[in-house]
Protein backbone atom coordinates (compact mmCIF):
# COMPACT_ATOMS: atom_id res chain seq x y z
CA MET A 1 -172.54 80.39 137.35
CA LYS A 2 -176.12 79.30 136.28
CA ASN A 3 -177.48 81.60 133.09
CA SER A 4 -174.79 83.84 133.57
CA ILE A 5 -172.57 85.33 131.00
CA SER A 6 -168.72 85.96 130.89
CA VAL A 7 -167.85 89.46 129.15
CA LEU A 8 -164.40 89.33 127.81
CA MET A 9 -162.45 92.44 127.25
CA THR A 10 -158.77 92.75 126.22
CA VAL A 11 -157.07 96.25 126.51
CA TYR A 12 -153.88 97.63 125.10
CA ASN A 13 -153.34 101.33 125.22
CA CYS A 14 -156.91 102.51 125.19
CA GLU A 15 -157.07 105.04 127.80
CA LEU A 16 -159.46 107.48 125.72
CA PHE A 17 -162.14 105.02 125.57
CA VAL A 18 -161.81 102.11 128.08
CA GLU A 19 -163.81 103.90 130.74
CA GLN A 20 -166.72 104.41 128.45
CA SER A 21 -166.64 100.83 127.25
CA ILE A 22 -166.83 99.37 130.70
CA LYS A 23 -169.55 101.58 131.90
CA SER A 24 -171.63 100.27 129.00
CA ILE A 25 -171.18 96.66 130.38
CA LEU A 26 -171.92 97.76 133.80
CA ASN A 27 -175.04 99.60 132.94
CA GLN A 28 -176.59 96.36 131.19
CA SER A 29 -180.03 95.46 132.09
CA TYR A 30 -178.94 91.87 132.51
CA ARG A 31 -177.17 91.99 135.78
CA ASN A 32 -175.94 88.22 135.96
CA PHE A 33 -172.38 88.47 134.45
CA GLU A 34 -168.66 88.89 135.10
CA LEU A 35 -166.52 91.18 133.35
CA ILE A 36 -163.11 89.55 132.57
CA ILE A 37 -160.68 92.33 131.66
CA ILE A 38 -157.00 91.51 130.35
CA ASP A 39 -154.59 94.43 130.39
CA ASP A 40 -151.92 93.21 127.76
CA CYS A 41 -149.10 95.47 129.02
CA SER A 42 -150.58 98.85 128.40
CA ASN A 43 -148.30 101.70 128.80
CA ASP A 44 -150.61 104.49 128.96
CA SER A 45 -153.04 105.02 131.72
CA SER A 46 -155.57 102.30 130.83
CA LEU A 47 -154.82 100.03 133.84
CA GLU A 48 -155.07 102.90 136.29
CA LYS A 49 -158.34 103.83 134.69
CA ILE A 50 -159.73 100.44 134.82
CA ARG A 51 -158.56 100.06 138.44
CA THR A 52 -160.90 102.97 139.43
CA PHE A 53 -164.23 100.84 138.94
CA GLU A 54 -165.39 99.12 142.20
CA ASP A 55 -167.75 96.33 141.16
CA GLU A 56 -167.31 92.88 142.37
CA ARG A 57 -168.40 91.48 138.81
CA ILE A 58 -165.04 92.97 137.43
CA LYS A 59 -161.95 90.54 137.41
CA ILE A 60 -158.75 92.29 136.27
CA PHE A 61 -155.69 90.45 134.98
CA SER A 62 -152.72 92.58 134.36
CA LEU A 63 -150.23 90.56 132.10
CA GLU A 64 -146.32 90.81 132.98
CA LYS A 65 -145.50 90.16 129.34
CA LYS A 66 -147.22 91.29 126.22
CA LEU A 67 -148.92 88.06 124.55
CA GLY A 68 -150.72 90.28 121.59
CA ARG A 69 -154.32 90.26 121.10
CA THR A 70 -155.20 86.82 120.07
CA ARG A 71 -153.28 85.21 122.71
CA ALA A 72 -154.45 87.80 125.26
CA LEU A 73 -157.88 86.80 124.30
CA ASN A 74 -157.41 83.12 124.67
CA PHE A 75 -155.77 83.71 128.18
CA GLY A 76 -159.06 85.57 129.07
CA LEU A 77 -161.14 82.60 127.79
CA THR A 78 -159.47 80.42 130.30
CA LYS A 79 -160.61 82.97 133.05
CA CYS A 80 -163.86 83.09 132.02
CA GLN A 81 -166.18 81.04 134.32
CA ALA A 82 -169.66 80.98 132.49
CA LYS A 83 -170.70 78.80 129.40
CA ILE A 84 -171.72 81.96 127.49
CA ILE A 85 -169.14 84.48 126.18
CA SER A 86 -169.74 87.84 125.05
CA ILE A 87 -166.90 89.97 123.68
CA GLN A 88 -166.52 93.71 124.36
CA ASP A 89 -163.50 95.23 122.69
CA ALA A 90 -162.09 98.06 124.85
CA ASP A 91 -163.05 100.96 122.55
CA ASP A 92 -166.66 100.14 121.64
CA ILE A 93 -169.97 100.87 123.30
CA SER A 94 -172.51 98.07 124.08
CA GLU A 95 -176.50 99.27 124.21
CA LYS A 96 -178.34 98.62 127.65
CA GLU A 97 -180.23 95.65 126.29
CA ARG A 98 -177.53 93.79 124.29
CA LEU A 99 -176.66 91.04 126.67
CA ALA A 100 -180.37 90.35 127.93
CA LYS A 101 -181.48 90.05 124.14
CA SER A 102 -178.34 87.99 123.17
CA ILE A 103 -178.76 85.40 125.83
CA SER A 104 -182.42 85.32 125.16
CA LYS A 105 -181.94 84.29 121.59
CA LEU A 106 -179.26 81.76 122.41
CA ASP A 107 -181.71 80.05 125.01
CA THR A 108 -184.49 79.51 122.18
CA ASN A 109 -182.38 77.03 120.12
CA ASN A 110 -179.94 74.65 121.10
CA GLU A 111 -178.56 74.49 117.53
CA ILE A 112 -177.63 78.25 117.92
CA GLY A 113 -173.94 78.51 118.66
CA MET A 114 -173.42 82.28 118.14
CA VAL A 115 -175.55 85.58 118.25
CA CYS A 116 -174.47 88.72 116.55
CA THR A 117 -176.02 92.06 116.48
CA ASN A 118 -176.37 94.91 114.09
CA TYR A 119 -174.33 97.93 114.81
CA GLU A 120 -173.63 101.55 114.20
CA PHE A 121 -170.17 103.21 113.68
CA ILE A 122 -168.88 106.18 115.90
CA ASN A 123 -165.64 108.18 115.71
CA SER A 124 -163.23 109.06 118.60
CA LYS A 125 -165.76 111.77 119.83
CA ASN A 126 -168.71 109.52 120.07
CA GLU A 127 -170.33 111.03 116.79
CA LEU A 128 -172.17 108.59 114.27
CA ILE A 129 -170.41 107.76 111.13
CA THR A 130 -173.38 107.56 108.73
CA LYS A 131 -171.35 106.92 105.56
CA LYS A 132 -169.91 103.30 107.15
CA LYS A 133 -171.85 100.30 106.17
CA LYS A 134 -173.20 97.75 108.43
CA ILE A 135 -175.41 94.56 108.75
CA LEU A 136 -178.71 95.24 107.17
CA ASP A 137 -180.39 91.84 107.40
CA GLU A 138 -179.88 87.98 107.33
CA LYS A 139 -179.77 87.86 103.48
CA THR A 140 -177.10 90.71 103.29
CA LEU A 141 -175.02 89.14 106.15
CA PHE A 142 -175.14 85.37 104.97
CA SER A 143 -174.73 85.98 101.41
CA LYS A 144 -171.33 87.84 101.91
CA LEU A 145 -169.98 86.30 105.07
CA LEU A 146 -168.04 83.51 103.45
CA TYR A 147 -166.10 86.47 101.61
CA LEU A 148 -166.34 89.66 103.93
CA ASN A 149 -166.58 89.77 107.63
CA LEU A 150 -169.77 91.89 108.24
CA ILE A 151 -169.95 90.93 111.72
CA ALA A 152 -168.40 93.31 114.53
CA HIS A 153 -166.44 91.31 117.21
CA SER A 154 -168.02 93.53 119.96
CA SER A 155 -171.53 92.31 118.80
CA ILE A 156 -170.84 88.33 119.29
CA THR A 157 -172.07 86.31 122.25
CA PHE A 158 -171.27 82.43 121.85
CA LYS A 159 -171.70 79.17 123.73
CA ARG A 160 -168.36 77.86 125.03
CA VAL A 161 -169.72 74.33 124.32
CA SER A 162 -171.75 73.98 121.44
CA PRO A 163 -172.83 70.89 119.40
CA GLY A 164 -170.32 70.37 116.72
CA ILE A 165 -168.01 73.18 117.46
CA ASN A 166 -164.42 72.11 117.17
CA GLY A 167 -162.89 74.01 120.12
CA PHE A 168 -163.69 77.65 121.16
CA LEU A 169 -160.38 79.24 121.41
CA TYR A 170 -159.20 81.74 118.97
CA ASP A 171 -156.58 80.66 116.33
CA GLU A 172 -153.12 82.09 117.41
CA ASN A 173 -152.15 81.69 113.81
CA TYR A 174 -154.20 84.88 113.27
CA ILE A 175 -152.97 88.40 114.56
CA TYR A 176 -155.76 90.52 113.02
CA ALA A 177 -158.50 88.10 111.77
CA GLN A 178 -158.71 85.82 114.82
CA ASP A 179 -162.35 87.01 115.04
CA TYR A 180 -163.45 86.36 111.42
CA ASN A 181 -161.98 82.81 111.83
CA LEU A 182 -163.79 82.24 114.86
CA ILE A 183 -167.17 83.23 113.16
CA LEU A 184 -166.55 80.94 110.27
CA ARG A 185 -165.75 78.11 112.65
CA TYR A 186 -169.17 78.75 114.21
CA LEU A 187 -170.92 79.28 110.94
CA ARG A 188 -169.53 75.88 109.87
CA ASP A 189 -170.14 73.86 112.92
CA SER A 190 -173.43 75.20 114.36
CA LYS A 191 -175.97 78.22 113.48
CA ILE A 192 -175.33 82.07 113.76
CA LEU A 193 -178.30 84.31 114.42
CA LEU A 194 -178.59 88.13 113.75
CA ILE A 195 -180.30 90.40 116.17
CA LYS A 196 -181.18 93.09 113.71
CA GLU A 197 -181.21 95.88 116.29
CA ASN A 198 -178.19 98.23 116.67
CA LEU A 199 -177.18 97.03 119.99
CA VAL A 200 -173.21 98.04 119.67
CA ARG A 201 -171.43 101.17 118.53
CA ILE A 202 -168.21 100.37 116.89
CA ARG A 203 -165.36 102.80 117.19
CA ASP A 204 -163.67 103.62 113.79
CA TYR A 205 -160.66 105.95 114.47
CA GLU A 206 -156.95 105.86 113.48
CA GLY A 207 -155.85 103.88 116.27
CA ASN A 208 -157.85 100.88 115.10
CA MET A 209 -155.85 97.86 113.90
CA SER A 210 -158.28 98.07 110.70
CA ASN A 211 -156.66 101.29 109.92
CA VAL A 212 -152.95 101.22 111.20
CA LYS A 213 -150.79 101.02 108.09
CA LYS A 214 -148.28 98.65 109.59
CA TYR A 215 -151.06 95.91 109.75
CA ALA A 216 -152.04 96.26 106.05
CA LYS A 217 -150.16 93.31 104.65
CA ILE A 218 -151.10 91.38 107.65
CA ARG A 219 -154.72 92.06 107.03
CA LEU A 220 -154.61 90.89 103.32
CA LEU A 221 -152.49 87.87 103.86
CA GLU A 222 -154.94 86.83 106.40
CA ASN A 223 -157.86 87.57 104.28
CA LEU A 224 -156.61 85.23 101.59
CA LYS A 225 -156.09 82.54 104.13
CA LEU A 226 -159.54 82.74 105.33
CA LEU A 227 -161.12 82.90 101.71
CA GLU A 228 -159.29 79.54 101.36
CA PHE A 229 -160.94 78.29 104.61
CA SER A 230 -164.32 79.26 103.12
CA LYS A 231 -163.59 77.64 100.15
CA LYS A 232 -162.47 74.33 101.74
CA ASN A 233 -165.26 74.28 104.78
CA PHE A 234 -168.48 75.30 102.97
CA LYS A 235 -170.56 74.28 100.13
CA VAL A 236 -170.62 77.44 97.94
CA GLY A 237 -171.55 76.28 94.50
CA PHE A 238 -170.29 77.42 91.27
CA PHE A 239 -171.01 81.08 91.57
CA GLY A 240 -169.71 81.09 95.25
CA LYS A 241 -166.49 79.87 93.89
CA ILE A 242 -166.21 82.68 91.49
CA LYS A 243 -166.67 85.25 94.19
CA ILE A 244 -164.01 83.47 96.34
CA GLU A 245 -161.78 83.60 93.66
CA TYR A 246 -162.77 87.35 92.77
CA PHE A 247 -161.92 88.34 96.42
CA LYS A 248 -158.62 86.45 96.24
CA LEU A 249 -157.57 88.32 93.25
CA LYS A 250 -158.44 91.71 94.78
CA ASN A 251 -156.53 90.88 98.06
CA HIS A 252 -153.55 89.60 95.74
CA PHE A 253 -153.58 92.90 93.83
CA LYS A 254 -153.58 95.14 97.05
CA LEU A 255 -150.91 92.92 98.37
CA LEU A 256 -148.75 93.87 95.42
CA TRP A 257 -149.60 97.44 96.05
CA GLU A 258 -148.33 97.34 99.62
CA ASN A 259 -145.18 95.46 98.48
CA LYS A 260 -144.44 98.08 95.78
CA GLY A 261 -144.89 100.94 98.43
CA GLU A 262 -142.01 99.21 100.62
């Protein structure tokens, strides 16, 4: 599949948004792609809504046993045929030019392993959430990326095979922050380029893993693990080390608070 993209979407109980998300990919100006959809044993109407689409570029895989998000992503990667992978979360929306502009940037420099884009936040009613922060520029992004994940999962497009990359699968030791781990590995082993335009709308609502209470401790523990990853894998300097220790301390205090509330 020369010069093509495999768009990977994993789905679990996303009946309210999955149709809109799929449409945003099918309406891309860049047409040479396949859309790999992995339904991770949804028990709502997600799969039925996915199957209403009649487009030969869509390939649906309905899992018989729930794998969880990280393993479902890795299963999906094994089904992707293209050398360029774009991620599309089932509740997010890609703007029409996202794929075209992403692959164009990847083609300009062999050292670039991943492209991400700027983004906006929307709520469950598709209304813009103006108070939510987003990436502003390269300086903001790359000065904070070792301590905070400012890259939206649905904004990334990456090369399956890139110089120096130690594998492209998601680390299954992560339940929540598998995307941040992948991003840091690409940052370590190649280059990441930011497209400043808002090419993705990220859904922020109560059902997000980022907002679900039961994942709070997992988020904090994985944040701590990734801070240690940054410390070991990047030359951060004296002030960088201080920042890492600051964020580690901050996460430890939050973790103590979560434990206290149990």
